[in-house]
Amino acid sequence: MREHKIVVLGTMGSGKSTLVRAIAEGAVIDTDVPNSDRQGADKASTTVAMDYADIDLPNGDRLRLYGTPGQQRFDFLWPILLQGASGVVLLLDATRHAAVDELQDYLEVLRLHAAQVPAVIGISRLDLAPAFDLESCAAIAGWEDRLLPVLPLDARDREQGLLLMDVLMSEMETRDLVMSDG
């Protein structure tokens, strides 16, 4: 049995907790508290440390999902949670005007703290932002010779969450193959 630590990063409201709950079918440990942020006032609660879930895969492997808090004031937790990560899911909220800039910021976090860790980007809330330009995200989704997969995602939909995990697992397997070949 192999264990895979998967860290879910993204802005507040992008669907990190929702994705973790959907994939784990609700069996999640969370640190949600009433939201006091003015920026996210439309959200009743928010994560202040992390969400956590274990998922047993059909092949006997186990996913350990860690959802990070999205507020900048908790960004000191991101490098801690990224330590030892097998993979990263970066979620962006398509309804946020600054989503592309936020992608750049999160890519910098990955470059600094998880440069070799396989990652995928999920774009949530596209149903509320039909004009969102996925192509612009795909064009900047990486650095040097590394491009990250970009997928539309309804974080509430378990099947879409599992598809995102499948893509991430493929990225992880590819990295393992490349590393074993030197």
N, C-alpha and C. Protein backbone atom coordinates (compact mmCIF):
# COMPACT_ATOMS: atom_id res chain seq x y z
N MET A 1 0.84 -1.18 0.00
CA MET A 1 0.00 0.00 0.00
C MET A 1 0.89 1.25 0.00
N ARG A 2 0.54 2.20 -0.87
CA ARG A 2 1.24 3.48 -0.90
C ARG A 2 0.28 4.56 -0.40
N GLU A 3 0.86 5.54 0.29
CA GLU A 3 0.07 6.69 0.74
C GLU A 3 0.49 7.91 -0.06
N HIS A 4 -0.49 8.71 -0.43
CA HIS A 4 -0.25 9.90 -1.24
C HIS A 4 -0.82 11.11 -0.50
N LYS A 5 0.07 12.02 -0.11
CA LYS A 5 -0.35 13.26 0.54
C LYS A 5 -0.69 14.27 -0.56
N ILE A 6 -1.95 14.68 -0.61
CA ILE A 6 -2.42 15.64 -1.62
C ILE A 6 -2.83 16.92 -0.91
N VAL A 7 -2.24 18.03 -1.30
CA VAL A 7 -2.55 19.33 -0.71
C VAL A 7 -3.42 20.11 -1.69
N VAL A 8 -4.52 20.67 -1.17
CA VAL A 8 -5.45 21.45 -1.98
C VAL A 8 -5.29 22.92 -1.59
N LEU A 9 -4.76 23.71 -2.53
CA LEU A 9 -4.52 25.15 -2.33
C LEU A 9 -5.54 25.96 -3.11
N GLY A 10 -5.76 27.18 -2.70
CA GLY A 10 -6.62 28.08 -3.46
C GLY A 10 -7.17 29.18 -2.58
N THR A 11 -7.81 30.14 -3.21
CA THR A 11 -8.38 31.28 -2.49
C THR A 11 -9.60 30.87 -1.67
N MET A 12 -9.96 31.71 -0.73
CA MET A 12 -11.17 31.47 0.05
C MET A 12 -12.36 31.47 -0.91
N GLY A 13 -13.20 30.46 -0.77
CA GLY A 13 -14.38 30.36 -1.61
C GLY A 13 -14.18 29.62 -2.92
N SER A 14 -12.96 29.15 -3.18
CA SER A 14 -12.71 28.46 -4.46
C SER A 14 -13.23 27.04 -4.47
N GLY A 15 -13.54 26.48 -3.30
CA GLY A 15 -14.12 25.14 -3.24
C GLY A 15 -13.22 24.08 -2.64
N LYS A 16 -12.19 24.49 -1.93
CA LYS A 16 -11.25 23.51 -1.35
C LYS A 16 -11.95 22.57 -0.38
N SER A 17 -12.64 23.12 0.60
CA SER A 17 -13.34 22.29 1.59
C SER A 17 -14.43 21.46 0.92
N THR A 18 -15.13 22.07 -0.01
CA THR A 18 -16.19 21.37 -0.73
C THR A 18 -15.63 20.20 -1.52
N LEU A 19 -14.50 20.40 -2.18
CA LEU A 19 -13.86 19.33 -2.95
C LEU A 19 -13.43 18.18 -2.04
N VAL A 20 -12.78 18.51 -0.93
CA VAL A 20 -12.32 17.47 0.00
C VAL A 20 -13.53 16.68 0.52
N ARG A 21 -14.60 17.39 0.89
CA ARG A 21 -15.81 16.70 1.38
C ARG A 21 -16.45 15.83 0.30
N ALA A 22 -16.49 16.33 -0.92
CA ALA A 22 -17.10 15.56 -2.01
C ALA A 22 -16.33 14.28 -2.28
N ILE A 23 -15.00 14.39 -2.36
CA ILE A 23 -14.18 13.21 -2.65
C ILE A 23 -14.27 12.21 -1.51
N ALA A 24 -14.26 12.71 -0.28
CA ALA A 24 -14.28 11.84 0.90
C ALA A 24 -15.70 11.43 1.30
N GLU A 25 -16.66 11.85 0.52
CA GLU A 25 -18.07 11.57 0.80
C GLU A 25 -18.46 12.03 2.20
N GLY A 26 -17.95 13.19 2.59
CA GLY A 26 -18.35 13.82 3.84
C GLY A 26 -17.54 13.46 5.06
N ALA A 27 -16.70 12.43 5.00
CA ALA A 27 -15.93 11.99 6.16
C ALA A 27 -14.66 12.84 6.28
N VAL A 28 -14.80 14.05 6.83
CA VAL A 28 -13.71 15.02 6.85
C VAL A 28 -13.54 15.59 8.26
N ILE A 29 -12.30 15.81 8.62
CA ILE A 29 -11.98 16.58 9.82
C ILE A 29 -11.73 18.00 9.34
N ASP A 30 -12.43 18.98 9.90
CA ASP A 30 -12.22 20.35 9.44
C ASP A 30 -12.00 21.29 10.61
N THR A 31 -11.51 22.47 10.29
CA THR A 31 -11.27 23.51 11.29
C THR A 31 -12.03 24.77 10.89
N ASP A 32 -13.26 24.59 10.41
CA ASP A 32 -14.07 25.73 10.00
C ASP A 32 -14.56 26.50 11.22
N VAL A 33 -14.56 27.82 11.07
CA VAL A 33 -15.07 28.72 12.10
C VAL A 33 -15.96 29.75 11.40
N PRO A 34 -16.79 30.47 12.15
CA PRO A 34 -17.58 31.54 11.53
C PRO A 34 -16.66 32.54 10.82
N ASN A 35 -17.03 32.95 9.64
CA ASN A 35 -16.21 33.85 8.83
C ASN A 35 -16.33 35.28 9.32
N SER A 36 -15.19 35.91 9.60
CA SER A 36 -15.18 37.32 10.01
C SER A 36 -14.48 38.21 9.00
N ASP A 37 -14.06 37.62 7.85
CA ASP A 37 -13.39 38.41 6.82
C ASP A 37 -14.40 39.24 6.05
N ARG A 38 -14.10 40.51 5.88
CA ARG A 38 -14.99 41.38 5.10
C ARG A 38 -15.02 40.96 3.64
N GLN A 39 -13.86 40.57 3.10
CA GLN A 39 -13.80 40.19 1.69
C GLN A 39 -14.67 38.98 1.40
N GLY A 40 -14.74 38.03 2.31
CA GLY A 40 -15.50 36.81 2.10
C GLY A 40 -16.78 36.78 2.88
N ALA A 41 -17.39 37.95 3.07
CA ALA A 41 -18.56 38.05 3.93
C ALA A 41 -19.74 37.22 3.44
N ASP A 42 -19.75 36.84 2.18
CA ASP A 42 -20.84 36.04 1.65
C ASP A 42 -20.70 34.57 2.02
N LYS A 43 -19.67 34.24 2.76
CA LYS A 43 -19.38 32.86 3.15
C LYS A 43 -19.55 32.75 4.66
N ALA A 44 -20.43 31.84 5.13
CA ALA A 44 -20.75 31.75 6.56
C ALA A 44 -19.59 31.25 7.39
N SER A 45 -18.82 30.29 6.87
CA SER A 45 -17.69 29.75 7.63
C SER A 45 -16.46 29.65 6.73
N THR A 46 -15.31 29.53 7.38
CA THR A 46 -14.06 29.46 6.64
C THR A 46 -13.07 28.56 7.38
N THR A 47 -12.15 27.98 6.62
CA THR A 47 -11.13 27.10 7.19
C THR A 47 -10.00 27.94 7.76
N VAL A 48 -9.57 27.62 8.98
CA VAL A 48 -8.49 28.38 9.60
C VAL A 48 -7.21 27.57 9.80
N ALA A 49 -7.26 26.29 9.66
CA ALA A 49 -6.03 25.48 9.74
C ALA A 49 -5.98 24.55 8.55
N MET A 50 -6.88 23.58 8.50
CA MET A 50 -6.93 22.70 7.33
C MET A 50 -8.16 21.82 7.41
N ASP A 51 -8.50 21.25 6.26
CA ASP A 51 -9.45 20.15 6.18
C ASP A 51 -8.62 18.90 5.96
N TYR A 52 -9.09 17.77 6.46
CA TYR A 52 -8.32 16.54 6.29
C TYR A 52 -9.27 15.37 6.06
N ALA A 53 -8.88 14.51 5.12
CA ALA A 53 -9.64 13.30 4.86
C ALA A 53 -8.72 12.20 4.35
N ASP A 54 -9.03 10.97 4.72
CA ASP A 54 -8.37 9.77 4.19
C ASP A 54 -9.32 9.10 3.22
N ILE A 55 -8.81 8.69 2.07
CA ILE A 55 -9.62 7.97 1.10
C ILE A 55 -8.86 6.74 0.67
N ASP A 56 -9.48 5.57 0.84
CA ASP A 56 -8.88 4.33 0.38
C ASP A 56 -9.25 4.12 -1.08
N LEU A 57 -8.24 3.89 -1.91
CA LEU A 57 -8.45 3.66 -3.34
C LEU A 57 -8.65 2.18 -3.61
N PRO A 58 -9.32 1.85 -4.73
CA PRO A 58 -9.58 0.44 -5.04
C PRO A 58 -8.30 -0.42 -5.14
N ASN A 59 -7.17 0.18 -5.51
CA ASN A 59 -5.93 -0.59 -5.66
C ASN A 59 -5.19 -0.78 -4.33
N GLY A 60 -5.79 -0.30 -3.22
CA GLY A 60 -5.16 -0.45 -1.92
C GLY A 60 -4.37 0.77 -1.47
N ASP A 61 -4.11 1.70 -2.38
CA ASP A 61 -3.42 2.94 -2.02
C ASP A 61 -4.36 3.82 -1.19
N ARG A 62 -3.78 4.80 -0.54
CA ARG A 62 -4.57 5.72 0.26
C ARG A 62 -4.21 7.16 -0.10
N LEU A 63 -5.25 7.97 -0.28
CA LEU A 63 -5.08 9.42 -0.46
C LEU A 63 -5.29 10.08 0.89
N ARG A 64 -4.40 10.97 1.23
CA ARG A 64 -4.56 11.80 2.41
C ARG A 64 -4.71 13.24 1.89
N LEU A 65 -5.91 13.76 1.97
CA LEU A 65 -6.21 15.09 1.43
C LEU A 65 -6.10 16.14 2.52
N TYR A 66 -5.38 17.22 2.20
CA TYR A 66 -5.21 18.35 3.11
C TYR A 66 -5.69 19.61 2.40
N GLY A 67 -6.81 20.16 2.83
CA GLY A 67 -7.30 21.42 2.29
C GLY A 67 -6.77 22.57 3.11
N THR A 68 -6.12 23.53 2.46
CA THR A 68 -5.50 24.65 3.15
C THR A 68 -6.50 25.79 3.36
N PRO A 69 -6.24 26.67 4.32
CA PRO A 69 -7.04 27.89 4.41
C PRO A 69 -6.68 28.81 3.24
N GLY A 70 -7.65 29.57 2.76
CA GLY A 70 -7.42 30.41 1.59
C GLY A 70 -7.01 31.84 1.89
N GLN A 71 -7.22 32.30 3.11
CA GLN A 71 -6.90 33.69 3.43
C GLN A 71 -5.38 33.89 3.49
N GLN A 72 -4.93 35.03 2.97
CA GLN A 72 -3.50 35.35 2.96
C GLN A 72 -2.89 35.33 4.37
N ARG A 73 -3.67 35.68 5.38
CA ARG A 73 -3.11 35.73 6.72
C ARG A 73 -2.70 34.35 7.24
N PHE A 74 -3.17 33.29 6.57
CA PHE A 74 -2.79 31.93 6.95
C PHE A 74 -1.78 31.32 5.98
N ASP A 75 -1.17 32.15 5.13
CA ASP A 75 -0.25 31.61 4.12
C ASP A 75 1.00 30.97 4.73
N PHE A 76 1.30 31.26 6.00
CA PHE A 76 2.43 30.60 6.65
C PHE A 76 2.21 29.09 6.77
N LEU A 77 0.95 28.64 6.73
CA LEU A 77 0.64 27.21 6.81
C LEU A 77 0.93 26.48 5.50
N TRP A 78 0.88 27.18 4.38
CA TRP A 78 1.01 26.52 3.08
C TRP A 78 2.32 25.75 2.94
N PRO A 79 3.49 26.37 3.22
CA PRO A 79 4.74 25.61 3.10
C PRO A 79 4.80 24.42 4.05
N ILE A 80 4.21 24.57 5.23
CA ILE A 80 4.19 23.47 6.20
C ILE A 80 3.39 22.30 5.64
N LEU A 81 2.21 22.59 5.11
CA LEU A 81 1.37 21.53 4.55
C LEU A 81 1.95 20.95 3.27
N LEU A 82 2.71 21.74 2.52
CA LEU A 82 3.31 21.25 1.27
C LEU A 82 4.50 20.32 1.51
N GLN A 83 5.08 20.35 2.71
CA GLN A 83 6.21 19.46 3.00
C GLN A 83 5.77 18.01 2.86
N GLY A 84 6.51 17.26 2.05
CA GLY A 84 6.22 15.85 1.87
C GLY A 84 5.03 15.55 0.98
N ALA A 85 4.50 16.57 0.31
CA ALA A 85 3.33 16.35 -0.56
C ALA A 85 3.72 15.49 -1.76
N SER A 86 2.80 14.60 -2.13
CA SER A 86 2.94 13.79 -3.34
C SER A 86 2.35 14.51 -4.54
N GLY A 87 1.36 15.37 -4.27
CA GLY A 87 0.68 16.09 -5.34
C GLY A 87 -0.05 17.30 -4.77
N VAL A 88 -0.36 18.23 -5.68
CA VAL A 88 -1.05 19.47 -5.30
C VAL A 88 -2.20 19.71 -6.26
N VAL A 89 -3.34 20.08 -5.69
CA VAL A 89 -4.47 20.58 -6.46
C VAL A 89 -4.57 22.06 -6.16
N LEU A 90 -4.52 22.88 -7.19
CA LEU A 90 -4.68 24.33 -7.05
C LEU A 90 -6.05 24.69 -7.59
N LEU A 91 -6.91 25.25 -6.75
CA LEU A 91 -8.24 25.64 -7.17
C LEU A 91 -8.34 27.14 -7.34
N LEU A 92 -8.93 27.54 -8.45
CA LEU A 92 -9.21 28.96 -8.72
C LEU A 92 -10.71 29.15 -8.86
N ASP A 93 -11.21 30.25 -8.36
CA ASP A 93 -12.61 30.62 -8.45
C ASP A 93 -12.78 31.51 -9.68
N ALA A 94 -13.49 31.01 -10.68
CA ALA A 94 -13.65 31.73 -11.95
C ALA A 94 -14.42 33.04 -11.78
N THR A 95 -15.15 33.21 -10.68
CA THR A 95 -15.91 34.45 -10.50
C THR A 95 -15.06 35.59 -9.96
N ARG A 96 -13.84 35.29 -9.53
CA ARG A 96 -12.98 36.34 -8.98
C ARG A 96 -12.28 37.08 -10.13
N HIS A 97 -12.36 38.38 -10.11
CA HIS A 97 -11.76 39.19 -11.16
C HIS A 97 -10.24 39.01 -11.22
N ALA A 98 -9.64 38.72 -10.10
CA ALA A 98 -8.19 38.60 -10.03
C ALA A 98 -7.72 37.15 -10.15
N ALA A 99 -8.55 36.25 -10.66
CA ALA A 99 -8.21 34.82 -10.69
C ALA A 99 -6.89 34.54 -11.41
N VAL A 100 -6.64 35.20 -12.52
CA VAL A 100 -5.40 34.93 -13.27
C VAL A 100 -4.20 35.43 -12.48
N ASP A 101 -4.32 36.58 -11.83
CA ASP A 101 -3.23 37.08 -10.97
C ASP A 101 -3.01 36.14 -9.79
N GLU A 102 -4.11 35.64 -9.23
CA GLU A 102 -4.00 34.70 -8.12
C GLU A 102 -3.31 33.42 -8.57
N LEU A 103 -3.57 32.99 -9.79
CA LEU A 103 -2.88 31.82 -10.32
C LEU A 103 -1.38 32.07 -10.32
N GLN A 104 -0.96 33.23 -10.78
CA GLN A 104 0.47 33.57 -10.79
C GLN A 104 1.04 33.50 -9.36
N ASP A 105 0.31 34.03 -8.39
CA ASP A 105 0.77 34.02 -7.00
C ASP A 105 0.91 32.60 -6.47
N TYR A 106 -0.06 31.76 -6.74
CA TYR A 106 0.00 30.38 -6.26
C TYR A 106 1.08 29.58 -6.98
N LEU A 107 1.30 29.86 -8.25
CA LEU A 107 2.40 29.19 -8.96
C LEU A 107 3.73 29.55 -8.33
N GLU A 108 3.85 30.78 -7.87
CA GLU A 108 5.08 31.19 -7.18
C GLU A 108 5.24 30.41 -5.86
N VAL A 109 4.15 30.20 -5.14
CA VAL A 109 4.20 29.39 -3.92
C VAL A 109 4.69 27.99 -4.26
N LEU A 110 4.16 27.42 -5.33
CA LEU A 110 4.60 26.08 -5.74
C LEU A 110 6.07 26.08 -6.14
N ARG A 111 6.49 27.09 -6.91
CA ARG A 111 7.91 27.17 -7.30
C ARG A 111 8.83 27.21 -6.08
N LEU A 112 8.42 27.94 -5.05
CA LEU A 112 9.25 28.10 -3.86
C LEU A 112 9.22 26.89 -2.93
N HIS A 113 8.08 26.23 -2.82
CA HIS A 113 7.91 25.23 -1.77
C HIS A 113 7.60 23.82 -2.27
N ALA A 114 7.32 23.66 -3.56
CA ALA A 114 6.96 22.33 -4.08
C ALA A 114 7.28 22.25 -5.57
N ALA A 115 8.46 22.71 -5.94
CA ALA A 115 8.82 22.86 -7.35
C ALA A 115 8.76 21.55 -8.13
N GLN A 116 9.05 20.44 -7.50
CA GLN A 116 9.07 19.15 -8.20
C GLN A 116 7.82 18.31 -7.95
N VAL A 117 6.87 18.85 -7.21
CA VAL A 117 5.67 18.09 -6.87
C VAL A 117 4.65 18.21 -8.01
N PRO A 118 4.14 17.08 -8.49
CA PRO A 118 3.10 17.12 -9.53
C PRO A 118 1.89 17.93 -9.06
N ALA A 119 1.29 18.66 -9.98
CA ALA A 119 0.15 19.51 -9.62
C ALA A 119 -0.83 19.61 -10.78
N VAL A 120 -2.08 19.89 -10.45
CA VAL A 120 -3.12 20.18 -11.42
C VAL A 120 -3.87 21.41 -10.96
N ILE A 121 -4.52 22.08 -11.90
CA ILE A 121 -5.29 23.29 -11.60
C ILE A 121 -6.74 23.02 -11.94
N GLY A 122 -7.60 23.25 -10.96
CA GLY A 122 -9.04 23.13 -11.18
C GLY A 122 -9.66 24.51 -11.16
N ILE A 123 -10.51 24.79 -12.13
CA ILE A 123 -11.20 26.08 -12.20
C ILE A 123 -12.65 25.84 -11.78
N SER A 124 -13.03 26.40 -10.63
CA SER A 124 -14.37 26.19 -10.09
C SER A 124 -15.28 27.38 -10.40
N ARG A 125 -16.56 27.16 -10.22
CA ARG A 125 -17.62 28.17 -10.34
C ARG A 125 -17.74 28.73 -11.76
N LEU A 126 -17.36 27.92 -12.74
CA LEU A 126 -17.49 28.36 -14.14
C LEU A 126 -18.94 28.57 -14.54
N ASP A 127 -19.86 27.89 -13.86
CA ASP A 127 -21.28 28.08 -14.16
C ASP A 127 -21.73 29.51 -13.87
N LEU A 128 -21.00 30.20 -12.99
CA LEU A 128 -21.32 31.58 -12.64
C LEU A 128 -20.46 32.59 -13.41
N ALA A 129 -19.52 32.10 -14.19
CA ALA A 129 -18.62 32.97 -14.96
C ALA A 129 -18.37 32.36 -16.35
N PRO A 130 -19.41 32.30 -17.17
CA PRO A 130 -19.26 31.64 -18.47
C PRO A 130 -18.25 32.30 -19.41
N ALA A 131 -17.91 33.56 -19.16
CA ALA A 131 -16.95 34.25 -20.01
C ALA A 131 -15.51 34.05 -19.55
N PHE A 132 -15.30 33.29 -18.48
CA PHE A 132 -13.95 33.09 -17.97
C PHE A 132 -13.08 32.46 -19.04
N ASP A 133 -11.86 32.95 -19.15
CA ASP A 133 -10.94 32.51 -20.20
C ASP A 133 -10.01 31.41 -19.69
N LEU A 134 -10.43 30.16 -19.89
CA LEU A 134 -9.60 29.02 -19.49
C LEU A 134 -8.27 29.01 -20.23
N GLU A 135 -8.28 29.46 -21.46
CA GLU A 135 -7.06 29.45 -22.28
C GLU A 135 -5.97 30.34 -21.66
N SER A 136 -6.36 31.48 -21.08
CA SER A 136 -5.35 32.35 -20.48
C SER A 136 -4.72 31.67 -19.27
N CYS A 137 -5.51 30.92 -18.52
CA CYS A 137 -4.95 30.17 -17.39
C CYS A 137 -4.01 29.07 -17.90
N ALA A 138 -4.44 28.35 -18.90
CA ALA A 138 -3.62 27.27 -19.44
C ALA A 138 -2.30 27.81 -19.98
N ALA A 139 -2.32 29.01 -20.55
CA ALA A 139 -1.11 29.59 -21.13
C ALA A 139 -0.05 29.92 -20.08
N ILE A 140 -0.48 30.21 -18.86
CA ILE A 140 0.50 30.57 -17.82
C ILE A 140 0.62 29.50 -16.74
N ALA A 141 -0.01 28.37 -16.94
CA ALA A 141 -0.09 27.32 -15.91
C ALA A 141 1.18 26.49 -15.85
N GLY A 142 2.24 27.11 -15.45
CA GLY A 142 3.48 26.39 -15.28
C GLY A 142 4.66 27.33 -15.32
N TRP A 143 5.82 26.74 -15.40
CA TRP A 143 7.05 27.51 -15.49
C TRP A 143 8.08 26.66 -16.18
N GLU A 144 9.07 27.35 -16.76
CA GLU A 144 10.13 26.71 -17.53
C GLU A 144 9.50 25.71 -18.51
N ASP A 145 9.86 24.44 -18.41
CA ASP A 145 9.31 23.47 -19.36
C ASP A 145 8.17 22.65 -18.75
N ARG A 146 7.64 23.11 -17.65
CA ARG A 146 6.59 22.37 -16.94
C ARG A 146 5.25 23.06 -17.12
N LEU A 147 4.30 22.37 -17.73
CA LEU A 147 2.94 22.87 -17.87
C LEU A 147 2.01 22.03 -17.01
N LEU A 148 1.14 22.67 -16.27
CA LEU A 148 0.21 21.98 -15.40
C LEU A 148 -1.14 21.83 -16.10
N PRO A 149 -1.77 20.66 -15.96
CA PRO A 149 -3.11 20.49 -16.53
C PRO A 149 -4.10 21.45 -15.88
N VAL A 150 -4.99 22.01 -16.70
CA VAL A 150 -6.04 22.91 -16.23
C VAL A 150 -7.38 22.29 -16.60
N LEU A 151 -8.24 22.08 -15.58
CA LEU A 151 -9.53 21.44 -15.82
C LEU A 151 -10.66 22.25 -15.20
N PRO A 152 -11.78 22.35 -15.90
CA PRO A 152 -12.97 22.92 -15.27
C PRO A 152 -13.46 21.95 -14.20
N LEU A 153 -14.05 22.48 -13.13
CA LEU A 153 -14.42 21.62 -12.01
C LEU A 153 -15.61 22.18 -11.25
N ASP A 154 -16.58 21.32 -10.98
CA ASP A 154 -17.62 21.63 -10.01
C ASP A 154 -17.20 20.90 -8.74
N ALA A 155 -16.68 21.63 -7.77
CA ALA A 155 -16.12 21.03 -6.56
C ALA A 155 -17.15 20.23 -5.76
N ARG A 156 -18.43 20.46 -6.01
CA ARG A 156 -19.48 19.73 -5.30
C ARG A 156 -19.70 18.34 -5.87
N ASP A 157 -19.23 18.12 -7.09
CA ASP A 157 -19.49 16.88 -7.82
C ASP A 157 -18.37 15.86 -7.57
N ARG A 158 -18.68 14.80 -6.86
CA ARG A 158 -17.66 13.80 -6.51
C ARG A 158 -16.97 13.23 -7.74
N GLU A 159 -17.74 12.93 -8.78
CA GLU A 159 -17.16 12.35 -9.99
C GLU A 159 -16.14 13.30 -10.64
N GLN A 160 -16.46 14.59 -10.66
CA GLN A 160 -15.50 15.56 -11.20
C GLN A 160 -14.27 15.66 -10.31
N GLY A 161 -14.47 15.59 -8.99
CA GLY A 161 -13.33 15.60 -8.07
C GLY A 161 -12.45 14.38 -8.27
N LEU A 162 -13.07 13.22 -8.47
CA LEU A 162 -12.30 12.00 -8.71
C LEU A 162 -11.56 12.06 -10.05
N LEU A 163 -12.17 12.67 -11.06
CA LEU A 163 -11.49 12.86 -12.35
C LEU A 163 -10.25 13.74 -12.15
N LEU A 164 -10.39 14.81 -11.40
CA LEU A 164 -9.26 15.68 -11.11
C LEU A 164 -8.16 14.89 -10.40
N MET A 165 -8.54 14.03 -9.45
CA MET A 165 -7.56 13.19 -8.74
C MET A 165 -6.91 12.21 -9.71
N ASP A 166 -7.67 11.66 -10.66
CA ASP A 166 -7.10 10.75 -11.66
C ASP A 166 -6.03 11.46 -12.49
N VAL A 167 -6.32 12.70 -12.90
CA VAL A 167 -5.34 13.46 -13.67
C VAL A 167 -4.09 13.70 -12.81
N LEU A 168 -4.30 14.07 -11.56
CA LEU A 168 -3.16 14.30 -10.66
C LEU A 168 -2.36 13.00 -10.47
N MET A 169 -3.05 11.89 -10.27
CA MET A 169 -2.35 10.61 -10.09
C MET A 169 -1.54 10.27 -11.34
N SER A 170 -2.06 10.57 -12.52
CA SER A 170 -1.31 10.35 -13.77
C SER A 170 -0.05 11.21 -13.80
N GLU A 171 -0.17 12.46 -13.36
CA GLU A 171 0.99 13.34 -13.28
C GLU A 171 2.02 12.79 -12.30
N MET A 172 1.54 12.24 -11.19
CA MET A 172 2.44 11.67 -10.19
C MET A 172 3.15 10.43 -10.74
N GLU A 173 2.41 9.58 -11.44
CA GLU A 173 3.01 8.38 -12.03
C GLU A 173 4.04 8.76 -13.10
N THR A 174 3.73 9.76 -13.91
CA THR A 174 4.67 10.22 -14.92
C THR A 174 5.96 10.72 -14.27
N ARG A 175 5.82 11.51 -13.22
CA ARG A 175 7.01 12.00 -12.50
C ARG A 175 7.82 10.84 -11.97
N ASP A 176 7.17 9.84 -11.38
CA ASP A 176 7.88 8.68 -10.84
C ASP A 176 8.63 7.94 -11.94
N LEU A 177 8.01 7.80 -13.11
CA LEU A 177 8.68 7.14 -14.24
C LEU A 177 9.91 7.91 -14.70
N VAL A 178 9.76 9.22 -14.81
CA VAL A 178 10.87 10.06 -15.25
C VAL A 178 12.00 10.00 -14.22
N MET A 179 11.66 10.05 -12.94
CA MET A 179 12.67 10.00 -11.90
C MET A 179 13.39 8.65 -11.86
N SER A 180 12.68 7.57 -12.12
CA SER A 180 13.31 6.25 -12.08
C SER A 180 14.22 6.02 -13.28
N ASP A 181 13.96 6.72 -14.39
CA ASP A 181 14.82 6.60 -15.57
C ASP A 181 16.01 7.54 -15.51
N GLY A 182 16.07 8.38 -14.50
CA GLY A 182 17.20 9.29 -14.29
C GLY A 182 17.11 10.45 -15.17
